[in-house]
Amino acid sequence: MLKTRLTHGGGQFRPTDEMRIQVTGVDHFENIPPELTLILG
């Protein structure tokens, strides 16, 4: 089951208002053309 969490960006050197979206419970993303998935890190 796909789960998402919104947490602090982590680390003392990151701004306090920086947030991270964590996706768990999946091992890959499926796209149906012409859809695109953009994962930034």
C-alpha atoms as a PDB file:
ATOM      1  CA  MET A   1       0.000   0.000   0.000  1.00  0.00           C
ATOM      2  CA  LEU A   2       1.338   3.427  -0.968  1.00  0.00           C
ATOM      3  CA  LYS A   3       1.942   5.643   2.045  1.00  0.00           C
ATOM      4  CA  THR A   4       3.273   9.177   2.216  1.00  0.00           C
ATOM      5  CA  ARG A   5       4.621  11.171   5.143  1.00  0.00           C
ATOM      6  CA  LEU A   6       5.505  14.832   5.409  1.00  0.00           C
ATOM      7  CA  THR A   7       8.496  15.345   7.700  1.00  0.00           C
ATOM      8  CA  HIS A   8      11.144  17.954   8.398  1.00  0.00           C
ATOM      9  CA  GLY A   9      13.906  18.160   5.779  1.00  0.00           C
ATOM     10  CA  GLY A  10      16.314  16.770   8.359  1.00  0.00           C
ATOM     11  CA  GLY A  11      19.623  17.883   9.769  1.00  0.00           C
ATOM     12  CA  GLN A  12      20.593  20.969  11.702  1.00  0.00           C
ATOM     13  CA  PHE A  13      21.927  22.675   8.579  1.00  0.00           C
ATOM     14  CA  ARG A  14      18.539  22.654   6.831  1.00  0.00           C
ATOM     15  CA  PRO A  15      15.994  25.464   7.242  1.00  0.00           C
ATOM     16  CA  THR A  16      13.290  24.773   9.840  1.00  0.00           C
ATOM     17  CA  ASP A  17      10.584  25.314   7.224  1.00  0.00           C
ATOM     18  CA  GLU A  18      12.036  22.779   4.745  1.00  0.00           C
ATOM     19  CA  MET A  19       9.827  19.717   4.471  1.00  0.00           C
ATOM     20  CA  ARG A  20      10.322  16.295   2.862  1.00  0.00           C
ATOM     21  CA  ILE A  21       7.686  14.017   1.330  1.00  0.00           C
ATOM     22  CA  GLN A  22       8.545  10.374   1.981  1.00  0.00           C
ATOM     23  CA  VAL A  23       6.902   7.678  -0.155  1.00  0.00           C
ATOM     24  CA  THR A  24       6.895   4.143   1.265  1.00  0.00           C
ATOM     25  CA  GLY A  25       5.221   0.854   0.485  1.00  0.00           C
ATOM     26  CA  VAL A  26       6.089   0.759  -3.238  1.00  0.00           C
ATOM     27  CA  ASP A  27       9.051  -0.634  -5.136  1.00  0.00           C
ATOM     28  CA  HIS A  28       8.427   1.251  -8.400  1.00  0.00           C
ATOM     29  CA  PHE A  29       6.191   3.824 -10.063  1.00  0.00           C
ATOM     30  CA  GLU A  30       3.983   2.926 -13.030  1.00  0.00           C
ATOM     31  CA  ASN A  31       3.387   5.465 -15.762  1.00  0.00           C
ATOM     32  CA  ILE A  32       0.713   5.391 -18.422  1.00  0.00           C
ATOM     33  CA  PRO A  33       2.011   7.323 -21.436  1.00  0.00           C
ATOM     34  CA  PRO A  34       2.053  10.288 -21.877  1.00  0.00           C
ATOM     35  CA  GLU A  35       2.301  10.704 -18.068  1.00  0.00           C
ATOM     36  CA  LEU A  36       5.691  11.499 -16.504  1.00  0.00           C
ATOM     37  CA  THR A  37       6.936  11.025 -12.959  1.00  0.00           C
ATOM     38  CA  LEU A  38       9.506  13.529 -11.739  1.00  0.00           C
ATOM     39  CA  ILE A  39      11.440  12.607  -8.587  1.00  0.00           C
ATOM     40  CA  LEU A  40      13.772  15.300  -7.284  1.00  0.00           C
ATOM     41  CA  GLY A  41      16.366  14.633  -4.667  1.00  0.00           C
END
